[in-house]
Amino acid sequence: MLLKLEHLSKSFGGLKAVADLNIEIGQGELVGLIGPNGAGKTTVFNLLTGVYEPSEGKMIFAGKDVGGLRPYQVTHRGIARTFQNIRLFGDLSVIDNVKIAFHQHAKYSAFSAILRLPSFFRSEDEMESKALALLEVFHLRGRAGEVAKNLPYGEQRRLEIARAMATEPRLLLLDEPAAGMNPQETRGLMELIRWLRDNFQLTILLIEHDMSLVMGVCERIYVLDYGMIIASGTPEEIRTDPKVIEAYLGEEAI
């Protein structure tokens, strides 16, 4: 089991945003986390990535509790994420956005960088090559020198995923990756997500409101409402679950 959340809770004053959450995700799985607005989905991602510290419970990743770690420590452990609202370094080039993420794996010391020793240049050249190869995967190599904020919206989305991949994660968290995309871009994203999982031996957990993407790409789905899991299962099981229909459409829909 790569990720196991045990009785995970997060409170903000008197508000319990996540309550007694239990989730298990195995190596190589592609899992969805869905629910109405305000259900607590992004809070779960913020807990997993060290933005928030759990009020209760455990987050076991690769056999170790990561609760309470800082975001950079979580990234070093092998968890990377994207954001619902794109958070690129807009004034930097496309390739520099990716190289920044690669720097956590840099093979030179601060001393080597200051003195511009051969090890510094070798490592920088290696990161440049890796960044270009990754941009090729995301069909962005031809944009490498452009300023990130000047990219079309769909390409900015792909760049954010590419930057997350540059940290060499074992678990990739995708927060609303299809937000703002048209149907054609969404279909391309579905193919990309599957390809990344299969070719990088990734485990992927995604939050998404676009049900065509969720049902088309996820193998299992957890449904969150008011901070609690109300259903879990295959896409077909979730599609027909009365609790899920009620959460999204109201009791009269049943």
C-alpha atoms as a PDB file:
ATOM      1  CA  MET A   1       0.000   0.000   0.000  1.00  0.00           C
ATOM      2  CA  LEU A   2       1.600   3.277  -1.101  1.00  0.00           C
ATOM      3  CA  LEU A   3      -0.766   5.690   0.694  1.00  0.00           C
ATOM      4  CA  LYS A   4      -2.966   5.043   3.697  1.00  0.00           C
ATOM      5  CA  LEU A   5      -4.987   7.731   5.473  1.00  0.00           C
ATOM      6  CA  GLU A   6      -6.156   6.544   8.887  1.00  0.00           C
ATOM      7  CA  HIS A   7      -8.911   8.441  10.733  1.00  0.00           C
ATOM      8  CA  LEU A   8      -7.593  11.686   9.261  1.00  0.00           C
ATOM      9  CA  SER A   9      -9.291  14.879  10.473  1.00  0.00           C
ATOM     10  CA  LYS A  10      -8.689  18.601  10.107  1.00  0.00           C
ATOM     11  CA  SER A  11     -10.513  21.270  12.081  1.00  0.00           C
ATOM     12  CA  PHE A  12     -10.477  25.040  11.697  1.00  0.00           C
ATOM     13  CA  GLY A  13     -11.874  26.335  14.957  1.00  0.00           C
ATOM     14  CA  GLY A  14     -15.320  24.792  15.263  1.00  0.00           C
ATOM     15  CA  LEU A  15     -15.422  23.720  11.593  1.00  0.00           C
ATOM     16  CA  LYS A  16     -14.381  20.158  10.801  1.00  0.00           C
ATOM     17  CA  ALA A  17     -13.266  20.338   7.161  1.00  0.00           C
ATOM     18  CA  VAL A  18     -12.180  16.675   7.056  1.00  0.00           C
ATOM     19  CA  ALA A  19     -13.633  14.112   9.459  1.00  0.00           C
ATOM     20  CA  ASP A  20     -12.349  10.596  10.182  1.00  0.00           C
ATOM     21  CA  LEU A  21     -11.071  10.017   6.643  1.00  0.00           C
ATOM     22  CA  ASN A  22      -9.893   6.516   5.700  1.00  0.00           C
ATOM     23  CA  ILE A  23      -8.403   6.026   2.232  1.00  0.00           C
ATOM     24  CA  GLU A  24      -6.055   3.386   0.797  1.00  0.00           C
ATOM     25  CA  ILE A  25      -4.259   3.688  -2.544  1.00  0.00           C
ATOM     26  CA  GLY A  26      -1.972   1.009  -3.924  1.00  0.00           C
ATOM     27  CA  GLN A  27       1.133   1.458  -6.043  1.00  0.00           C
ATOM     28  CA  GLY A  28       0.244   2.292  -9.657  1.00  0.00           C
ATOM     29  CA  GLU A  29      -3.443   3.031  -9.051  1.00  0.00           C
ATOM     30  CA  LEU A  30      -5.312   5.896 -10.689  1.00  0.00           C
ATOM     31  CA  VAL A  31      -7.882   7.114  -8.172  1.00  0.00           C
ATOM     32  CA  GLY A  32     -10.386   9.972  -8.139  1.00  0.00           C
ATOM     33  CA  LEU A  33     -11.572  12.082  -5.210  1.00  0.00           C
ATOM     34  CA  ILE A  34     -14.830  13.844  -6.003  1.00  0.00           C
ATOM     35  CA  GLY A  35     -17.573  15.710  -4.194  1.00  0.00           C
ATOM     36  CA  PRO A  36     -19.614  18.909  -4.227  1.00  0.00           C
ATOM     37  CA  ASN A  37     -17.985  22.309  -3.737  1.00  0.00           C
ATOM     38  CA  GLY A  38     -16.805  22.728  -0.155  1.00  0.00           C
ATOM     39  CA  ALA A  39     -16.712  18.979   0.511  1.00  0.00           C
ATOM     40  CA  GLY A  40     -13.102  19.114   1.736  1.00  0.00           C
ATOM     41  CA  LYS A  41     -11.236  17.778  -1.298  1.00  0.00           C
ATOM     42  CA  THR A  42      -8.566  20.476  -1.533  1.00  0.00           C
ATOM     43  CA  THR A  43      -8.129  20.312   2.251  1.00  0.00           C
ATOM     44  CA  VAL A  44      -7.148  16.660   1.801  1.00  0.00           C
ATOM     45  CA  PHE A  45      -4.511  17.668  -0.769  1.00  0.00           C
ATOM     46  CA  ASN A  46      -3.255  20.425   1.544  1.00  0.00           C
ATOM     47  CA  LEU A  47      -2.898  17.875   4.331  1.00  0.00           C
ATOM     48  CA  LEU A  48      -1.050  15.427   2.075  1.00  0.00           C
ATOM     49  CA  THR A  49       1.416  18.088   0.909  1.00  0.00           C
ATOM     50  CA  GLY A  50       2.202  19.632   4.287  1.00  0.00           C
ATOM     51  CA  VAL A  51       0.287  22.887   3.819  1.00  0.00           C
ATOM     52  CA  TYR A  52      -1.911  21.884   6.784  1.00  0.00           C
ATOM     53  CA  GLU A  53      -1.045  19.698   9.756  1.00  0.00           C
ATOM     54  CA  PRO A  54      -3.621  17.039  10.670  1.00  0.00           C
ATOM     55  CA  SER A  55      -5.753  17.657  13.756  1.00  0.00           C
ATOM     56  CA  GLU A  56      -6.100  13.901  14.199  1.00  0.00           C
ATOM     57  CA  GLY A  57      -5.119  10.694  12.439  1.00  0.00           C
ATOM     58  CA  LYS A  58      -2.214   9.473  10.346  1.00  0.00           C
ATOM     59  CA  MET A  59      -0.995   9.809   6.760  1.00  0.00           C
ATOM     60  CA  ILE A  60       1.200   6.831   5.916  1.00  0.00           C
ATOM     61  CA  PHE A  61       3.148   7.181   2.665  1.00  0.00           C
ATOM     62  CA  ALA A  62       5.534   4.403   1.579  1.00  0.00           C
ATOM     63  CA  GLY A  63       5.398   2.985   5.097  1.00  0.00           C
ATOM     64  CA  LYS A  64       6.179   6.246   6.947  1.00  0.00           C
ATOM     65  CA  ASP A  65       3.956   8.834   8.617  1.00  0.00           C
ATOM     66  CA  VAL A  66       4.267  12.142   6.733  1.00  0.00           C
ATOM     67  CA  GLY A  67       1.894  14.096   8.959  1.00  0.00           C
ATOM     68  CA  GLY A  68       3.471  17.331  10.162  1.00  0.00           C
ATOM     69  CA  LEU A  69       6.206  17.457   7.521  1.00  0.00           C
ATOM     70  CA  ARG A  70       6.835  20.725   5.697  1.00  0.00           C
ATOM     71  CA  PRO A  71       5.893  20.936   1.993  1.00  0.00           C
ATOM     72  CA  TYR A  72       9.508  20.669   0.767  1.00  0.00           C
ATOM     73  CA  GLN A  73      10.018  17.580   2.956  1.00  0.00           C
ATOM     74  CA  VAL A  74       6.877  15.982   1.515  1.00  0.00           C
ATOM     75  CA  THR A  75       8.175  16.687  -2.005  1.00  0.00           C
ATOM     76  CA  HIS A  76      11.489  15.027  -1.134  1.00  0.00           C
ATOM     77  CA  ARG A  77       9.549  11.960   0.040  1.00  0.00           C
ATOM     78  CA  GLY A  78       7.971  11.661  -3.418  1.00  0.00           C
ATOM     79  CA  ILE A  79       4.615  13.485  -3.387  1.00  0.00           C
ATOM     80  CA  ALA A  80       3.983  16.259  -5.946  1.00  0.00           C
ATOM     81  CA  ARG A  81       0.879  18.255  -6.816  1.00  0.00           C
ATOM     82  CA  THR A  82      -0.718  20.709  -9.183  1.00  0.00           C
ATOM     83  CA  PHE A  83      -3.214  23.395  -8.161  1.00  0.00           C
ATOM     84  CA  GLN A  84      -6.782  24.253  -9.084  1.00  0.00           C
ATOM     85  CA  ASN A  85      -5.614  27.796  -9.839  1.00  0.00           C
ATOM     86  CA  ILE A  86      -2.442  27.580 -11.934  1.00  0.00           C
ATOM     87  CA  ARG A  87       0.633  28.594  -9.919  1.00  0.00           C
ATOM     88  CA  LEU A  88       3.456  28.827 -12.415  1.00  0.00           C
ATOM     89  CA  PHE A  89       6.398  31.202 -12.123  1.00  0.00           C
ATOM     90  CA  GLY A  90       4.762  33.382 -14.745  1.00  0.00           C
ATOM     91  CA  ASP A  91       7.696  35.686 -15.483  1.00  0.00           C
ATOM     92  CA  LEU A  92      10.181  32.838 -15.914  1.00  0.00           C
ATOM     93  CA  SER A  93      10.676  30.821 -19.073  1.00  0.00           C
ATOM     94  CA  VAL A  94       8.933  27.519 -19.643  1.00  0.00           C
ATOM     95  CA  ILE A  95      12.171  25.556 -19.233  1.00  0.00           C
ATOM     96  CA  ASP A  96      13.157  27.464 -16.070  1.00  0.00           C
ATOM     97  CA  ASN A  97       9.835  26.498 -14.475  1.00  0.00           C
ATOM     98  CA  VAL A  98      10.778  22.851 -14.979  1.00  0.00           C
ATOM     99  CA  LYS A  99      14.450  23.251 -14.019  1.00  0.00           C
ATOM    100  CA  ILE A 100      13.480  24.805 -10.684  1.00  0.00           C
ATOM    101  CA  ALA A 101      11.678  21.574  -9.788  1.00  0.00           C
ATOM    102  CA  PHE A 102      14.689  19.487 -10.860  1.00  0.00           C
ATOM    103  CA  HIS A 103      16.980  21.421  -8.517  1.00  0.00           C
ATOM    104  CA  GLN A 104      15.988  19.359  -5.485  1.00  0.00           C
ATOM    105  CA  HIS A 105      17.942  16.546  -7.147  1.00  0.00           C
ATOM    106  CA  ALA A 106      20.961  18.745  -7.947  1.00  0.00           C
ATOM    107  CA  LYS A 107      24.293  16.921  -7.619  1.00  0.00           C
ATOM    108  CA  TYR A 108      26.435  19.887  -6.607  1.00  0.00           C
ATOM    109  CA  SER A 109      26.969  21.802  -3.378  1.00  0.00           C
ATOM    110  CA  ALA A 110      26.517  25.507  -2.721  1.00  0.00           C
ATOM    111  CA  PHE A 111      30.322  25.708  -2.631  1.00  0.00           C
ATOM    112  CA  SER A 112      30.532  24.270  -6.176  1.00  0.00           C
ATOM    113  CA  ALA A 113      27.876  26.709  -7.402  1.00  0.00           C
ATOM    114  CA  ILE A 114      29.592  29.752  -5.918  1.00  0.00           C
ATOM    115  CA  LEU A 115      32.984  28.823  -7.365  1.00  0.00           C
ATOM    116  CA  ARG A 116      31.493  27.549 -10.643  1.00  0.00           C
ATOM    117  CA  LEU A 117      33.327  24.238 -10.366  1.00  0.00           C
ATOM    118  CA  PRO A 118      33.018  21.580 -13.122  1.00  0.00           C
ATOM    119  CA  SER A 119      30.505  19.598 -11.032  1.00  0.00           C
ATOM    120  CA  PHE A 120      28.156  22.609 -11.113  1.00  0.00           C
ATOM    121  CA  PHE A 121      28.189  22.868 -14.905  1.00  0.00           C
ATOM    122  CA  ARG A 122      27.836  19.087 -15.368  1.00  0.00           C
ATOM    123  CA  SER A 123      24.775  19.015 -13.131  1.00  0.00           C
ATOM    124  CA  GLU A 124      23.239  22.087 -14.785  1.00  0.00           C
ATOM    125  CA  ASP A 125      23.732  20.545 -18.240  1.00  0.00           C
ATOM    126  CA  GLU A 126      22.122  17.325 -17.036  1.00  0.00           C
ATOM    127  CA  MET A 127      19.091  19.214 -15.671  1.00  0.00           C
ATOM    128  CA  GLU A 128      18.779  21.155 -18.922  1.00  0.00           C
ATOM    129  CA  SER A 129      18.700  17.892 -20.896  1.00  0.00           C
ATOM    130  CA  LYS A 130      16.154  16.324 -18.540  1.00  0.00           C
ATOM    131  CA  ALA A 131      13.962  19.430 -18.654  1.00  0.00           C
ATOM    132  CA  LEU A 132      13.953  19.469 -22.457  1.00  0.00           C
ATOM    133  CA  ALA A 133      13.115  15.756 -22.553  1.00  0.00           C
ATOM    134  CA  LEU A 134      10.198  16.318 -20.167  1.00  0.00           C
ATOM    135  CA  LEU A 135       8.925  19.267 -22.182  1.00  0.00           C
ATOM    136  CA  GLU A 136       9.023  17.010 -25.253  1.00  0.00           C
ATOM    137  CA  VAL A 137       6.669  14.589 -23.469  1.00  0.00           C
ATOM    138  CA  PHE A 138       4.231  17.427 -22.825  1.00  0.00           C
ATOM    139  CA  HIS A 139       4.558  18.840 -26.372  1.00  0.00           C
ATOM    140  CA  LEU A 140       6.138  22.014 -24.990  1.00  0.00           C
ATOM    141  CA  ARG A 141       9.735  21.738 -26.157  1.00  0.00           C
ATOM    142  CA  GLY A 142       9.159  24.299 -28.893  1.00  0.00           C
ATOM    143  CA  ARG A 143       7.996  26.729 -26.195  1.00  0.00           C
ATOM    144  CA  ALA A 144      11.005  26.207 -23.896  1.00  0.00           C
ATOM    145  CA  GLY A 145      12.309  29.778 -24.146  1.00  0.00           C
ATOM    146  CA  GLU A 146       8.948  31.516 -23.934  1.00  0.00           C
ATOM    147  CA  VAL A 147       7.699  33.290 -20.807  1.00  0.00           C
ATOM    148  CA  ALA A 148       5.320  30.936 -18.997  1.00  0.00           C
ATOM    149  CA  LYS A 149       2.501  33.464 -18.525  1.00  0.00           C
ATOM    150  CA  ASN A 150       2.313  33.972 -22.298  1.00  0.00           C
ATOM    151  CA  LEU A 151       1.336  30.353 -22.982  1.00  0.00           C
ATOM    152  CA  PRO A 152      -2.275  29.521 -23.883  1.00  0.00           C
ATOM    153  CA  TYR A 153      -4.285  28.273 -20.905  1.00  0.00           C
ATOM    154  CA  GLY A 154      -4.214  24.588 -21.858  1.00  0.00           C
ATOM    155  CA  GLU A 155      -0.432  24.674 -22.298  1.00  0.00           C
ATOM    156  CA  GLN A 156      -0.021  26.356 -18.908  1.00  0.00           C
ATOM    157  CA  ARG A 157      -1.942  23.431 -17.419  1.00  0.00           C
ATOM    158  CA  ARG A 158       0.411  20.959 -19.103  1.00  0.00           C
ATOM    159  CA  LEU A 159       3.443  22.929 -17.942  1.00  0.00           C
ATOM    160  CA  GLU A 160       2.253  22.776 -14.349  1.00  0.00           C
ATOM    161  CA  ILE A 161       1.985  18.992 -14.584  1.00  0.00           C
ATOM    162  CA  ALA A 162       5.425  18.849 -16.232  1.00  0.00           C
ATOM    163  CA  ARG A 163       6.891  20.883 -13.363  1.00  0.00           C
ATOM    164  CA  ALA A 164       5.341  18.500 -10.821  1.00  0.00           C
ATOM    165  CA  MET A 165       6.789  15.537 -12.749  1.00  0.00           C
ATOM    166  CA  ALA A 166      10.255  17.127 -12.584  1.00  0.00           C
ATOM    167  CA  THR A 167      10.331  16.455  -8.835  1.00  0.00           C
ATOM    168  CA  GLU A 168      10.324  12.728  -9.778  1.00  0.00           C
ATOM    169  CA  PRO A 169       7.286  11.837  -7.640  1.00  0.00           C
ATOM    170  CA  ARG A 170       5.912   8.441  -6.734  1.00  0.00           C
ATOM    171  CA  LEU A 171       2.469   9.962  -6.023  1.00  0.00           C
ATOM    172  CA  LEU A 172       1.078  12.732  -8.230  1.00  0.00           C
ATOM    173  CA  LEU A 173      -1.846  14.795  -6.913  1.00  0.00           C
ATOM    174  CA  LEU A 174      -3.828  16.575  -9.629  1.00  0.00           C
ATOM    175  CA  ASP A 175      -6.189  19.289  -8.382  1.00  0.00           C
ATOM    176  CA  GLU A 176      -8.828  20.054 -11.046  1.00  0.00           C
ATOM    177  CA  PRO A 177      -6.465  19.420 -13.988  1.00  0.00           C
ATOM    178  CA  ALA A 178      -9.244  19.929 -16.556  1.00  0.00           C
ATOM    179  CA  ALA A 179     -10.485  23.236 -15.103  1.00  0.00           C
ATOM    180  CA  GLY A 180     -10.950  25.751 -17.910  1.00  0.00           C
ATOM    181  CA  MET A 181     -10.254  23.239 -20.682  1.00  0.00           C
ATOM    182  CA  ASN A 182     -12.486  22.651 -23.678  1.00  0.00           C
ATOM    183  CA  PRO A 183     -13.700  19.092 -24.479  1.00  0.00           C
ATOM    184  CA  GLN A 184     -10.884  18.439 -26.957  1.00  0.00           C
ATOM    185  CA  GLU A 185      -8.235  19.538 -24.447  1.00  0.00           C
ATOM    186  CA  THR A 186      -9.897  17.377 -21.780  1.00  0.00           C
ATOM    187  CA  ARG A 187      -9.721  14.288 -24.012  1.00  0.00           C
ATOM    188  CA  GLY A 188      -6.040  14.964 -24.618  1.00  0.00           C
ATOM    189  CA  LEU A 189      -5.520  15.348 -20.861  1.00  0.00           C
ATOM    190  CA  MET A 190      -7.156  11.980 -20.214  1.00  0.00           C
ATOM    191  CA  GLU A 191      -4.743  10.298 -22.599  1.00  0.00           C
ATOM    192  CA  LEU A 192      -1.808  12.142 -21.006  1.00  0.00           C
ATOM    193  CA  ILE A 193      -2.784  11.083 -17.465  1.00  0.00           C
ATOM    194  CA  ARG A 194      -3.031   7.431 -18.486  1.00  0.00           C
ATOM    195  CA  TRP A 195       0.293   7.655 -20.358  1.00  0.00           C
ATOM    196  CA  LEU A 196       2.079   9.219 -17.379  1.00  0.00           C
ATOM    197  CA  ARG A 197       0.804   6.547 -15.007  1.00  0.00           C
ATOM    198  CA  ASP A 198       1.826   3.714 -17.301  1.00  0.00           C
ATOM    199  CA  ASN A 199       5.208   5.064 -18.444  1.00  0.00           C
ATOM    200  CA  PHE A 200       6.497   6.605 -15.206  1.00  0.00           C
ATOM    201  CA  GLN A 201       5.183   3.907 -12.848  1.00  0.00           C
ATOM    202  CA  LEU A 202       3.193   6.644 -11.109  1.00  0.00           C
ATOM    203  CA  THR A 203       0.350   6.517  -8.643  1.00  0.00           C
ATOM    204  CA  ILE A 204      -2.172   9.294  -9.315  1.00  0.00           C
ATOM    205  CA  LEU A 205      -4.885  10.796  -7.120  1.00  0.00           C
ATOM    206  CA  LEU A 206      -7.000  13.460  -8.785  1.00  0.00           C
ATOM    207  CA  ILE A 207      -9.715  15.905  -7.799  1.00  0.00           C
ATOM    208  CA  GLU A 208     -11.994  16.820 -10.664  1.00  0.00           C
ATOM    209  CA  HIS A 209     -15.480  18.222 -11.315  1.00  0.00           C
ATOM    210  CA  ASP A 210     -15.510  17.091 -14.959  1.00  0.00           C
ATOM    211  CA  MET A 211     -17.274  13.745 -14.586  1.00  0.00           C
ATOM    212  CA  SER A 212     -16.418  12.664 -18.125  1.00  0.00           C
ATOM    213  CA  LEU A 213     -12.731  12.781 -17.179  1.00  0.00           C
ATOM    214  CA  VAL A 214     -13.230  11.125 -13.786  1.00  0.00           C
ATOM    215  CA  MET A 215     -15.378   8.307 -15.123  1.00  0.00           C
ATOM    216  CA  GLY A 216     -13.169   7.878 -18.176  1.00  0.00           C
ATOM    217  CA  VAL A 217      -9.774   7.692 -16.508  1.00  0.00           C
ATOM    218  CA  CYS A 218     -10.135   6.612 -12.845  1.00  0.00           C
ATOM    219  CA  GLU A 219     -10.145   2.975 -11.774  1.00  0.00           C
ATOM    220  CA  ARG A 220     -11.559   3.718  -8.322  1.00  0.00           C
ATOM    221  CA  ILE A 221     -13.310   6.758  -6.906  1.00  0.00           C
ATOM    222  CA  TYR A 222     -13.845   8.118  -3.393  1.00  0.00           C
ATOM    223  CA  VAL A 223     -16.728  10.536  -2.847  1.00  0.00           C
ATOM    224  CA  LEU A 224     -16.401  13.208  -0.167  1.00  0.00           C
ATOM    225  CA  ASP A 225     -19.268  15.247   1.301  1.00  0.00           C
ATOM    226  CA  TYR A 226     -19.030  17.541   4.324  1.00  0.00           C
ATOM    227  CA  GLY A 227     -15.536  16.211   4.960  1.00  0.00           C
ATOM    228  CA  MET A 228     -16.572  12.544   5.124  1.00  0.00           C
ATOM    229  CA  ILE A 229     -16.372   9.648   2.674  1.00  0.00           C
ATOM    230  CA  ILE A 230     -19.922   8.752   1.668  1.00  0.00           C
ATOM    231  CA  ALA A 231     -19.085   6.233  -1.079  1.00  0.00           C
ATOM    232  CA  SER A 232     -16.203   4.457  -2.789  1.00  0.00           C
ATOM    233  CA  GLY A 233     -15.953   2.039  -5.668  1.00  0.00           C
ATOM    234  CA  THR A 234     -15.591   1.695  -9.416  1.00  0.00           C
ATOM    235  CA  PRO A 235     -16.871   4.443 -11.737  1.00  0.00           C
ATOM    236  CA  GLU A 236     -19.975   2.382 -12.509  1.00  0.00           C
ATOM    237  CA  GLU A 237     -20.723   1.821  -8.810  1.00  0.00           C
ATOM    238  CA  ILE A 238     -20.288   5.526  -8.057  1.00  0.00           C
ATOM    239  CA  ARG A 239     -22.406   6.623 -11.023  1.00  0.00           C
ATOM    240  CA  THR A 240     -25.444   4.750  -9.691  1.00  0.00           C
ATOM    241  CA  ASP A 241     -24.933   5.204  -5.930  1.00  0.00           C
ATOM    242  CA  PRO A 242     -28.001   6.939  -4.371  1.00  0.00           C
ATOM    243  CA  LYS A 243     -25.846   8.724  -1.751  1.00  0.00           C
ATOM    244  CA  VAL A 244     -23.695  10.230  -4.497  1.00  0.00           C
ATOM    245  CA  ILE A 245     -26.696  11.332  -6.541  1.00  0.00           C
ATOM    246  CA  GLU A 246     -28.231  12.922  -3.447  1.00  0.00           C
ATOM    247  CA  ALA A 247     -24.989  14.747  -2.570  1.00  0.00           C
ATOM    248  CA  TYR A 248     -24.770  16.264  -6.047  1.00  0.00           C
ATOM    249  CA  LEU A 249     -28.418  16.754  -6.969  1.00  0.00           C
ATOM    250  CA  GLY A 250     -30.367  16.774  -3.700  1.00  0.00           C
ATOM    251  CA  GLU A 251     -32.719  14.316  -2.043  1.00  0.00           C
ATOM    252  CA  GLU A 252     -35.503  14.870  -4.566  1.00  0.00           C
ATOM    253  CA  ALA A 253     -33.329  13.320  -7.281  1.00  0.00           C
ATOM    254  CA  ILE A 254     -33.458   9.897  -5.641  1.00  0.00           C
END
